Amino acid sequence: MTSPCMIDFEASSLSSDSYPIEVAWSTPDGAIESHLIRPHWSWTDWDEYAEREIHRISRETLRTDGKSTREVAMVMNSALAGQTVYSDAPEFDGHWLERLFEAAGLEPAFEIGSVYPLFPNPISSADFSRLTTEARSRVPGQHRAAWDVEFLLELWRLSRADSAHETKRREGKT
């Protein structure tokens, strides 16, 4: 079964001056690719609390292990060209995508869309909450890009399975 391509960024902060520090995306076969991003020389925003308590990625780690903005943007374009990748926060991820590609001097060859239309409609808030809790329990962590992409994929899979089960139940097949 092919799955939609998911994307997630981790960032320096949530301010308007924030920039991407890590990105991950999935491919239709469910594989996940992740990259740390070395900050562009013009990027100065940093939230110490986010480093210490949320993503736990230091600026030193980004300087030593991160890839250049251009390298990451080129890899993303190669992997995702012509596709829509889905985010649970497209306004934030779109901002960080724009910052990344602007610093790289490139244009993205793909689009970001909202993940929410991919879920069965209608889905009650109680069912969505239950599925979210179950998906979180199956993913080792959060606030790292690869984990958050894995969570979105798991939530999508669970929602599809739940919807199929509900359809069979309504049709009297279970």
N, C-alpha and C. Protein backbone atom coordinates (compact mmCIF):
# COMPACT_ATOMS: atom_id res chain seq x y z
N MET A 1 0.85 -1.18 0.00
CA MET A 1 0.00 0.00 0.00
C MET A 1 0.89 1.24 0.00
N THR A 2 0.58 2.16 -0.87
CA THR A 2 1.32 3.42 -0.86
C THR A 2 0.66 4.36 0.13
N SER A 3 1.48 5.21 0.71
CA SER A 3 0.97 6.18 1.67
C SER A 3 1.30 7.58 1.19
N PRO A 4 0.58 8.57 1.69
CA PRO A 4 0.91 9.93 1.33
C PRO A 4 2.28 10.30 1.90
N CYS A 5 2.94 11.23 1.28
CA CYS A 5 4.24 11.71 1.77
C CYS A 5 3.99 12.76 2.84
N MET A 6 4.57 12.53 4.01
CA MET A 6 4.43 13.45 5.14
C MET A 6 5.73 14.24 5.29
N ILE A 7 5.64 15.41 5.91
CA ILE A 7 6.82 16.24 6.15
C ILE A 7 6.70 16.90 7.52
N ASP A 8 7.86 17.14 8.13
CA ASP A 8 7.89 17.87 9.39
C ASP A 8 9.24 18.57 9.51
N PHE A 9 9.19 19.77 10.06
CA PHE A 9 10.39 20.52 10.38
C PHE A 9 10.48 20.72 11.88
N GLU A 10 11.70 20.75 12.40
CA GLU A 10 11.99 21.29 13.72
C GLU A 10 12.64 22.63 13.45
N ALA A 11 12.47 23.57 14.39
CA ALA A 11 12.92 24.93 14.12
C ALA A 11 13.62 25.54 15.33
N SER A 12 14.29 26.64 15.08
CA SER A 12 15.04 27.36 16.11
C SER A 12 14.13 27.92 17.20
N SER A 13 12.90 28.23 16.83
CA SER A 13 11.91 28.76 17.77
C SER A 13 10.57 28.80 17.03
N LEU A 14 9.59 29.41 17.64
CA LEU A 14 8.31 29.63 16.96
C LEU A 14 8.12 31.08 16.57
N SER A 15 9.15 31.90 16.68
CA SER A 15 9.04 33.32 16.33
C SER A 15 9.02 33.49 14.81
N SER A 16 8.68 34.68 14.37
CA SER A 16 8.66 34.95 12.93
C SER A 16 10.06 34.92 12.33
N ASP A 17 11.10 35.06 13.16
CA ASP A 17 12.49 35.00 12.69
C ASP A 17 13.06 33.58 12.73
N SER A 18 12.25 32.61 13.11
CA SER A 18 12.74 31.24 13.25
C SER A 18 13.16 30.67 11.90
N TYR A 19 13.95 29.63 11.99
CA TYR A 19 14.45 28.96 10.79
C TYR A 19 14.49 27.45 11.03
N PRO A 20 14.54 26.66 9.96
CA PRO A 20 14.54 25.21 10.12
C PRO A 20 15.89 24.70 10.59
N ILE A 21 15.84 23.73 11.51
CA ILE A 21 17.07 23.09 11.98
C ILE A 21 17.10 21.60 11.64
N GLU A 22 15.94 21.04 11.33
CA GLU A 22 15.85 19.63 10.95
C GLU A 22 14.61 19.46 10.09
N VAL A 23 14.70 18.57 9.11
CA VAL A 23 13.55 18.24 8.27
C VAL A 23 13.53 16.74 8.05
N ALA A 24 12.33 16.19 7.99
CA ALA A 24 12.14 14.79 7.62
C ALA A 24 10.92 14.70 6.73
N TRP A 25 10.92 13.70 5.88
CA TRP A 25 9.77 13.44 5.03
C TRP A 25 9.70 11.94 4.78
N SER A 26 8.52 11.51 4.37
CA SER A 26 8.33 10.10 4.03
C SER A 26 8.09 9.97 2.54
N THR A 27 8.35 8.78 2.04
CA THR A 27 8.11 8.47 0.64
C THR A 27 6.85 7.59 0.56
N PRO A 28 6.30 7.38 -0.62
CA PRO A 28 5.07 6.58 -0.73
C PRO A 28 5.17 5.17 -0.16
N ASP A 29 6.38 4.61 -0.08
CA ASP A 29 6.53 3.27 0.51
C ASP A 29 6.69 3.32 2.02
N GLY A 30 6.61 4.52 2.60
CA GLY A 30 6.68 4.68 4.05
C GLY A 30 8.07 4.89 4.61
N ALA A 31 9.10 4.90 3.77
CA ALA A 31 10.46 5.17 4.23
C ALA A 31 10.55 6.64 4.67
N ILE A 32 11.38 6.90 5.66
CA ILE A 32 11.54 8.26 6.19
C ILE A 32 12.99 8.69 6.03
N GLU A 33 13.17 9.90 5.51
CA GLU A 33 14.50 10.49 5.37
C GLU A 33 14.54 11.75 6.23
N SER A 34 15.66 11.95 6.93
CA SER A 34 15.78 13.07 7.85
C SER A 34 17.15 13.72 7.71
N HIS A 35 17.19 15.06 7.86
CA HIS A 35 18.45 15.79 7.76
C HIS A 35 18.49 16.93 8.77
N LEU A 36 19.61 17.04 9.46
CA LEU A 36 19.88 18.24 10.25
C LEU A 36 20.34 19.32 9.29
N ILE A 37 20.00 20.57 9.61
CA ILE A 37 20.30 21.69 8.72
C ILE A 37 21.26 22.64 9.42
N ARG A 38 22.43 22.85 8.81
CA ARG A 38 23.39 23.82 9.34
C ARG A 38 22.82 25.22 9.10
N PRO A 39 22.73 26.04 10.14
CA PRO A 39 22.13 27.37 9.96
C PRO A 39 22.89 28.22 8.94
N HIS A 40 22.13 28.88 8.09
CA HIS A 40 22.67 29.86 7.16
C HIS A 40 23.30 30.98 7.97
N TRP A 41 24.31 31.62 7.45
CA TRP A 41 25.03 32.66 8.20
C TRP A 41 24.12 33.79 8.67
N SER A 42 23.02 34.03 7.95
CA SER A 42 22.13 35.16 8.30
C SER A 42 21.09 34.78 9.37
N TRP A 43 21.01 33.52 9.74
CA TRP A 43 20.02 33.07 10.71
C TRP A 43 20.58 33.19 12.12
N THR A 44 19.94 33.98 12.95
CA THR A 44 20.46 34.21 14.31
C THR A 44 19.47 33.85 15.42
N ASP A 45 18.21 33.71 15.10
CA ASP A 45 17.19 33.41 16.11
C ASP A 45 17.52 32.09 16.81
N TRP A 46 17.30 32.03 18.13
CA TRP A 46 17.48 30.77 18.85
C TRP A 46 16.70 30.81 20.15
N ASP A 47 16.02 29.72 20.46
CA ASP A 47 15.27 29.60 21.70
C ASP A 47 15.96 28.55 22.57
N GLU A 48 16.59 29.00 23.64
CA GLU A 48 17.31 28.09 24.55
C GLU A 48 16.37 27.07 25.18
N TYR A 49 15.14 27.50 25.50
CA TYR A 49 14.17 26.58 26.09
C TYR A 49 13.86 25.43 25.12
N ALA A 50 13.64 25.77 23.84
CA ALA A 50 13.34 24.73 22.83
C ALA A 50 14.50 23.75 22.72
N GLU A 51 15.72 24.26 22.74
CA GLU A 51 16.89 23.38 22.68
C GLU A 51 16.92 22.45 23.90
N ARG A 52 16.71 23.00 25.06
CA ARG A 52 16.82 22.25 26.32
C ARG A 52 15.65 21.29 26.55
N GLU A 53 14.42 21.72 26.20
CA GLU A 53 13.23 20.97 26.61
C GLU A 53 12.40 20.37 25.48
N ILE A 54 12.61 20.80 24.25
CA ILE A 54 11.72 20.32 23.18
C ILE A 54 12.49 19.46 22.17
N HIS A 55 13.23 20.06 21.27
CA HIS A 55 13.92 19.27 20.24
C HIS A 55 15.26 18.72 20.70
N ARG A 56 15.90 19.39 21.65
CA ARG A 56 17.19 18.95 22.23
C ARG A 56 18.30 18.84 21.20
N ILE A 57 18.27 19.73 20.23
CA ILE A 57 19.33 19.81 19.21
C ILE A 57 20.10 21.09 19.49
N SER A 58 21.39 20.97 19.71
CA SER A 58 22.20 22.16 20.02
C SER A 58 22.67 22.83 18.73
N ARG A 59 23.00 24.12 18.86
CA ARG A 59 23.56 24.83 17.71
C ARG A 59 24.89 24.21 17.30
N GLU A 60 25.66 23.74 18.28
CA GLU A 60 26.94 23.09 17.96
C GLU A 60 26.71 21.83 17.13
N THR A 61 25.71 21.03 17.48
CA THR A 61 25.38 19.84 16.70
C THR A 61 25.01 20.23 15.27
N LEU A 62 24.25 21.30 15.12
CA LEU A 62 23.87 21.75 13.77
C LEU A 62 25.11 22.19 12.99
N ARG A 63 26.01 22.89 13.64
CA ARG A 63 27.23 23.35 12.96
C ARG A 63 28.10 22.17 12.51
N THR A 64 28.21 21.15 13.36
CA THR A 64 29.11 20.04 13.05
C THR A 64 28.46 18.94 12.21
N ASP A 65 27.18 18.65 12.46
CA ASP A 65 26.52 17.53 11.80
C ASP A 65 25.49 17.94 10.75
N GLY A 66 25.12 19.21 10.73
CA GLY A 66 24.11 19.67 9.78
C GLY A 66 24.65 19.79 8.37
N LYS A 67 23.75 19.65 7.42
CA LYS A 67 24.09 19.85 6.01
C LYS A 67 23.73 21.28 5.61
N SER A 68 24.37 21.78 4.59
CA SER A 68 24.09 23.14 4.13
C SER A 68 22.65 23.25 3.63
N THR A 69 22.13 24.47 3.67
CA THR A 69 20.77 24.70 3.19
C THR A 69 20.63 24.26 1.73
N ARG A 70 21.64 24.54 0.94
CA ARG A 70 21.58 24.17 -0.48
C ARG A 70 21.54 22.65 -0.64
N GLU A 71 22.38 21.93 0.10
CA GLU A 71 22.40 20.48 -0.01
C GLU A 71 21.06 19.88 0.39
N VAL A 72 20.49 20.35 1.50
CA VAL A 72 19.20 19.81 1.95
C VAL A 72 18.11 20.14 0.94
N ALA A 73 18.08 21.36 0.45
CA ALA A 73 17.05 21.75 -0.53
C ALA A 73 17.16 20.92 -1.81
N MET A 74 18.38 20.67 -2.26
CA MET A 74 18.56 19.88 -3.48
C MET A 74 18.11 18.43 -3.26
N VAL A 75 18.42 17.85 -2.11
CA VAL A 75 17.98 16.48 -1.81
C VAL A 75 16.46 16.43 -1.75
N MET A 76 15.86 17.42 -1.11
CA MET A 76 14.39 17.46 -1.02
C MET A 76 13.77 17.55 -2.40
N ASN A 77 14.28 18.44 -3.25
CA ASN A 77 13.72 18.57 -4.60
C ASN A 77 13.87 17.27 -5.38
N SER A 78 14.99 16.61 -5.24
CA SER A 78 15.20 15.35 -5.95
C SER A 78 14.22 14.28 -5.47
N ALA A 79 14.01 14.20 -4.18
CA ALA A 79 13.15 13.16 -3.61
C ALA A 79 11.66 13.44 -3.77
N LEU A 80 11.28 14.73 -3.77
CA LEU A 80 9.86 15.08 -3.67
C LEU A 80 9.29 15.80 -4.89
N ALA A 81 10.06 15.94 -5.95
CA ALA A 81 9.64 16.70 -7.13
C ALA A 81 8.25 16.29 -7.61
N GLY A 82 7.40 17.29 -7.80
CA GLY A 82 6.07 17.08 -8.35
C GLY A 82 5.04 16.56 -7.38
N GLN A 83 5.41 16.35 -6.13
CA GLN A 83 4.49 15.77 -5.16
C GLN A 83 3.92 16.84 -4.23
N THR A 84 2.85 16.46 -3.57
CA THR A 84 2.35 17.22 -2.42
C THR A 84 2.77 16.43 -1.20
N VAL A 85 3.42 17.11 -0.26
CA VAL A 85 3.80 16.49 1.01
C VAL A 85 2.89 17.10 2.07
N TYR A 86 2.50 16.29 3.04
CA TYR A 86 1.46 16.68 3.97
C TYR A 86 2.02 16.95 5.36
N SER A 87 1.52 18.02 5.95
CA SER A 87 1.97 18.50 7.25
C SER A 87 0.78 18.69 8.17
N ASP A 88 1.01 18.51 9.48
CA ASP A 88 -0.04 18.82 10.44
C ASP A 88 -0.02 20.29 10.84
N ALA A 89 0.97 21.04 10.35
CA ALA A 89 1.06 22.48 10.61
C ALA A 89 1.64 23.16 9.36
N PRO A 90 0.89 23.16 8.26
CA PRO A 90 1.45 23.67 7.00
C PRO A 90 1.84 25.14 7.04
N GLU A 91 1.21 25.93 7.91
CA GLU A 91 1.60 27.34 7.99
C GLU A 91 3.00 27.48 8.57
N PHE A 92 3.33 26.71 9.59
CA PHE A 92 4.68 26.74 10.16
C PHE A 92 5.68 26.06 9.23
N ASP A 93 5.36 24.83 8.80
CA ASP A 93 6.28 24.10 7.94
C ASP A 93 6.49 24.84 6.62
N GLY A 94 5.46 25.49 6.11
CA GLY A 94 5.61 26.29 4.89
C GLY A 94 6.56 27.45 5.09
N HIS A 95 6.50 28.09 6.25
CA HIS A 95 7.41 29.19 6.59
C HIS A 95 8.86 28.69 6.60
N TRP A 96 9.08 27.54 7.26
CA TRP A 96 10.44 27.02 7.36
C TRP A 96 10.94 26.49 6.03
N LEU A 97 10.05 25.93 5.22
CA LEU A 97 10.43 25.52 3.87
C LEU A 97 10.87 26.74 3.06
N GLU A 98 10.11 27.81 3.16
CA GLU A 98 10.45 29.04 2.44
C GLU A 98 11.81 29.59 2.89
N ARG A 99 12.05 29.59 4.20
CA ARG A 99 13.34 30.08 4.71
C ARG A 99 14.49 29.22 4.19
N LEU A 100 14.31 27.89 4.20
CA LEU A 100 15.34 26.97 3.73
C LEU A 100 15.67 27.22 2.27
N PHE A 101 14.65 27.26 1.43
CA PHE A 101 14.88 27.39 -0.01
C PHE A 101 15.37 28.78 -0.38
N GLU A 102 14.92 29.79 0.35
CA GLU A 102 15.43 31.14 0.11
C GLU A 102 16.93 31.20 0.40
N ALA A 103 17.35 30.64 1.52
CA ALA A 103 18.77 30.62 1.87
C ALA A 103 19.58 29.80 0.87
N ALA A 104 18.97 28.75 0.32
CA ALA A 104 19.64 27.89 -0.65
C ALA A 104 19.68 28.49 -2.04
N GLY A 105 18.87 29.52 -2.28
CA GLY A 105 18.80 30.12 -3.61
C GLY A 105 18.08 29.25 -4.61
N LEU A 106 17.12 28.45 -4.12
CA LEU A 106 16.37 27.54 -4.98
C LEU A 106 14.87 27.71 -4.74
N GLU A 107 14.08 27.09 -5.61
CA GLU A 107 12.63 27.02 -5.46
C GLU A 107 12.23 25.58 -5.19
N PRO A 108 11.28 25.34 -4.29
CA PRO A 108 10.86 23.96 -4.08
C PRO A 108 10.13 23.41 -5.31
N ALA A 109 10.39 22.14 -5.61
CA ALA A 109 9.76 21.47 -6.75
C ALA A 109 8.56 20.65 -6.30
N PHE A 110 8.03 20.98 -5.12
CA PHE A 110 6.91 20.25 -4.53
C PHE A 110 6.10 21.24 -3.71
N GLU A 111 4.94 20.78 -3.23
CA GLU A 111 4.05 21.64 -2.44
C GLU A 111 3.81 21.01 -1.08
N ILE A 112 3.44 21.86 -0.11
CA ILE A 112 3.01 21.37 1.20
C ILE A 112 1.51 21.56 1.30
N GLY A 113 0.82 20.51 1.76
CA GLY A 113 -0.61 20.57 2.00
C GLY A 113 -0.92 20.14 3.42
N SER A 114 -2.14 20.38 3.84
CA SER A 114 -2.59 19.97 5.17
C SER A 114 -2.91 18.49 5.18
N VAL A 115 -2.47 17.81 6.23
CA VAL A 115 -2.72 16.38 6.37
C VAL A 115 -4.19 16.08 6.69
N TYR A 116 -4.89 17.04 7.28
CA TYR A 116 -6.23 16.75 7.81
C TYR A 116 -7.25 16.29 6.78
N PRO A 117 -7.25 16.79 5.54
CA PRO A 117 -8.20 16.24 4.56
C PRO A 117 -7.94 14.77 4.20
N LEU A 118 -6.79 14.23 4.56
CA LEU A 118 -6.50 12.82 4.27
C LEU A 118 -7.21 11.86 5.22
N PHE A 119 -7.67 12.38 6.34
CA PHE A 119 -8.35 11.53 7.32
C PHE A 119 -9.80 11.32 6.90
N PRO A 120 -10.38 10.17 7.27
CA PRO A 120 -11.76 9.88 6.90
C PRO A 120 -12.71 10.99 7.35
N ASN A 121 -13.69 11.24 6.54
CA ASN A 121 -14.67 12.26 6.86
C ASN A 121 -16.04 11.60 6.85
N PRO A 122 -16.82 11.69 7.84
CA PRO A 122 -16.55 12.42 9.08
C PRO A 122 -15.78 11.55 10.06
N ILE A 123 -15.04 12.21 10.94
CA ILE A 123 -14.38 11.54 12.06
C ILE A 123 -14.65 12.41 13.28
N SER A 124 -15.16 11.80 14.30
CA SER A 124 -15.51 12.58 15.49
C SER A 124 -14.24 13.01 16.22
N SER A 125 -14.35 14.07 17.00
CA SER A 125 -13.19 14.53 17.76
C SER A 125 -12.76 13.47 18.77
N ALA A 126 -13.72 12.72 19.32
CA ALA A 126 -13.38 11.64 20.26
C ALA A 126 -12.59 10.54 19.56
N ASP A 127 -13.04 10.16 18.35
CA ASP A 127 -12.30 9.13 17.61
C ASP A 127 -10.92 9.63 17.20
N PHE A 128 -10.84 10.88 16.77
CA PHE A 128 -9.55 11.43 16.37
C PHE A 128 -8.61 11.48 17.58
N SER A 129 -9.12 11.86 18.72
CA SER A 129 -8.32 11.90 19.95
C SER A 129 -7.83 10.50 20.32
N ARG A 130 -8.71 9.51 20.23
CA ARG A 130 -8.35 8.12 20.53
C ARG A 130 -7.26 7.64 19.58
N LEU A 131 -7.42 7.91 18.30
CA LEU A 131 -6.42 7.49 17.31
C LEU A 131 -5.10 8.21 17.51
N THR A 132 -5.16 9.49 17.87
CA THR A 132 -3.94 10.25 18.14
C THR A 132 -3.18 9.65 19.31
N THR A 133 -3.89 9.31 20.38
CA THR A 133 -3.26 8.69 21.55
C THR A 133 -2.64 7.35 21.18
N GLU A 134 -3.35 6.55 20.40
CA GLU A 134 -2.82 5.25 19.98
C GLU A 134 -1.59 5.42 19.09
N ALA A 135 -1.63 6.36 18.15
CA ALA A 135 -0.48 6.59 17.27
C ALA A 135 0.73 7.06 18.08
N ARG A 136 0.51 7.96 19.04
CA ARG A 136 1.61 8.44 19.89
C ARG A 136 2.24 7.30 20.67
N SER A 137 1.43 6.34 21.10
CA SER A 137 1.96 5.22 21.88
C SER A 137 2.83 4.30 21.03
N ARG A 138 2.71 4.36 19.72
CA ARG A 138 3.45 3.48 18.82
C ARG A 138 4.73 4.12 18.28
N VAL A 139 4.95 5.40 18.55
CA VAL A 139 6.11 6.12 18.04
C VAL A 139 7.03 6.43 19.21
N PRO A 140 8.34 6.21 19.06
CA PRO A 140 9.25 6.29 20.20
C PRO A 140 9.39 7.67 20.85
N GLY A 141 9.09 8.73 20.16
CA GLY A 141 9.26 10.06 20.74
C GLY A 141 8.56 11.10 19.89
N GLN A 142 8.81 12.35 20.23
CA GLN A 142 8.27 13.44 19.43
C GLN A 142 9.21 14.63 19.49
N HIS A 143 8.92 15.63 18.69
CA HIS A 143 9.72 16.85 18.57
C HIS A 143 11.09 16.60 17.97
N ARG A 144 11.17 15.54 17.18
CA ARG A 144 12.25 15.36 16.23
C ARG A 144 11.53 15.07 14.92
N ALA A 145 12.06 15.58 13.84
CA ALA A 145 11.33 15.55 12.57
C ALA A 145 10.95 14.13 12.14
N ALA A 146 11.87 13.18 12.22
CA ALA A 146 11.56 11.81 11.78
C ALA A 146 10.47 11.18 12.65
N TRP A 147 10.54 11.39 13.96
CA TRP A 147 9.50 10.85 14.84
C TRP A 147 8.14 11.45 14.52
N ASP A 148 8.11 12.75 14.25
CA ASP A 148 6.83 13.40 13.96
C ASP A 148 6.25 12.95 12.62
N VAL A 149 7.11 12.69 11.65
CA VAL A 149 6.64 12.13 10.37
C VAL A 149 6.12 10.71 10.60
N GLU A 150 6.84 9.93 11.38
CA GLU A 150 6.39 8.57 11.69
C GLU A 150 5.03 8.60 12.39
N PHE A 151 4.85 9.54 13.30
CA PHE A 151 3.56 9.70 13.98
C PHE A 151 2.45 10.02 12.98
N LEU A 152 2.67 10.94 12.07
CA LEU A 152 1.65 11.29 11.08
C LEU A 152 1.29 10.08 10.21
N LEU A 153 2.29 9.33 9.81
CA LEU A 153 2.02 8.12 9.02
C LEU A 153 1.20 7.11 9.83
N GLU A 154 1.56 6.92 11.08
CA GLU A 154 0.83 5.97 11.93
C GLU A 154 -0.60 6.44 12.15
N LEU A 155 -0.79 7.72 12.39
CA LEU A 155 -2.13 8.26 12.57
C LEU A 155 -2.96 8.07 11.30
N TRP A 156 -2.38 8.31 10.15
CA TRP A 156 -3.07 8.10 8.88
C TRP A 156 -3.47 6.63 8.72
N ARG A 157 -2.51 5.71 8.99
CA ARG A 157 -2.81 4.27 8.87
C ARG A 157 -3.93 3.85 9.82
N LEU A 158 -3.83 4.29 11.06
CA LEU A 158 -4.86 3.94 12.05
C LEU A 158 -6.22 4.49 11.65
N SER A 159 -6.26 5.70 11.14
CA SER A 159 -7.55 6.30 10.75
C SER A 159 -8.17 5.55 9.58
N ARG A 160 -7.35 5.09 8.65
CA ARG A 160 -7.86 4.30 7.52
C ARG A 160 -8.40 2.96 8.00
N ALA A 161 -7.65 2.30 8.88
CA ALA A 161 -8.09 1.00 9.40
C ALA A 161 -9.37 1.16 10.22
N ASP A 162 -9.43 2.22 11.03
CA ASP A 162 -10.61 2.48 11.85
C ASP A 162 -11.83 2.77 10.96
N SER A 163 -11.62 3.53 9.91
CA SER A 163 -12.71 3.86 8.99
C SER A 163 -13.20 2.62 8.26
N ALA A 164 -12.28 1.75 7.84
CA ALA A 164 -12.68 0.51 7.16
C ALA A 164 -13.46 -0.39 8.10
N HIS A 165 -13.01 -0.47 9.35
CA HIS A 165 -13.71 -1.27 10.35
C HIS A 165 -15.12 -0.72 10.60
N GLU A 166 -15.23 0.60 10.70
CA GLU A 166 -16.53 1.23 10.93
C GLU A 166 -17.46 1.00 9.75
N THR A 167 -16.95 1.06 8.54
CA THR A 167 -17.76 0.81 7.35
C THR A 167 -18.30 -0.62 7.36
N LYS A 168 -17.43 -1.58 7.67
CA LYS A 168 -17.86 -2.98 7.74
C LYS A 168 -18.90 -3.17 8.84
N ARG A 169 -18.72 -2.51 9.97
CA ARG A 169 -19.67 -2.63 11.09
C ARG A 169 -21.05 -2.11 10.66
N ARG A 170 -21.05 -0.95 9.98
CA ARG A 170 -22.32 -0.37 9.52
C ARG A 170 -23.01 -1.28 8.51
N GLU A 171 -22.22 -1.96 7.70
CA GLU A 171 -22.78 -2.85 6.68
C GLU A 171 -23.11 -4.23 7.25
N GLY A 172 -22.89 -4.43 8.57
CA GLY A 172 -23.20 -5.68 9.23
C GLY A 172 -22.24 -6.81 8.90
N LYS A 173 -21.01 -6.46 8.53
CA LYS A 173 -20.04 -7.50 8.15
C LYS A 173 -19.08 -7.85 9.28
N THR A 174 -19.25 -7.27 10.46
CA THR A 174 -18.36 -7.63 11.58
C THR A 174 -19.15 -8.08 12.77
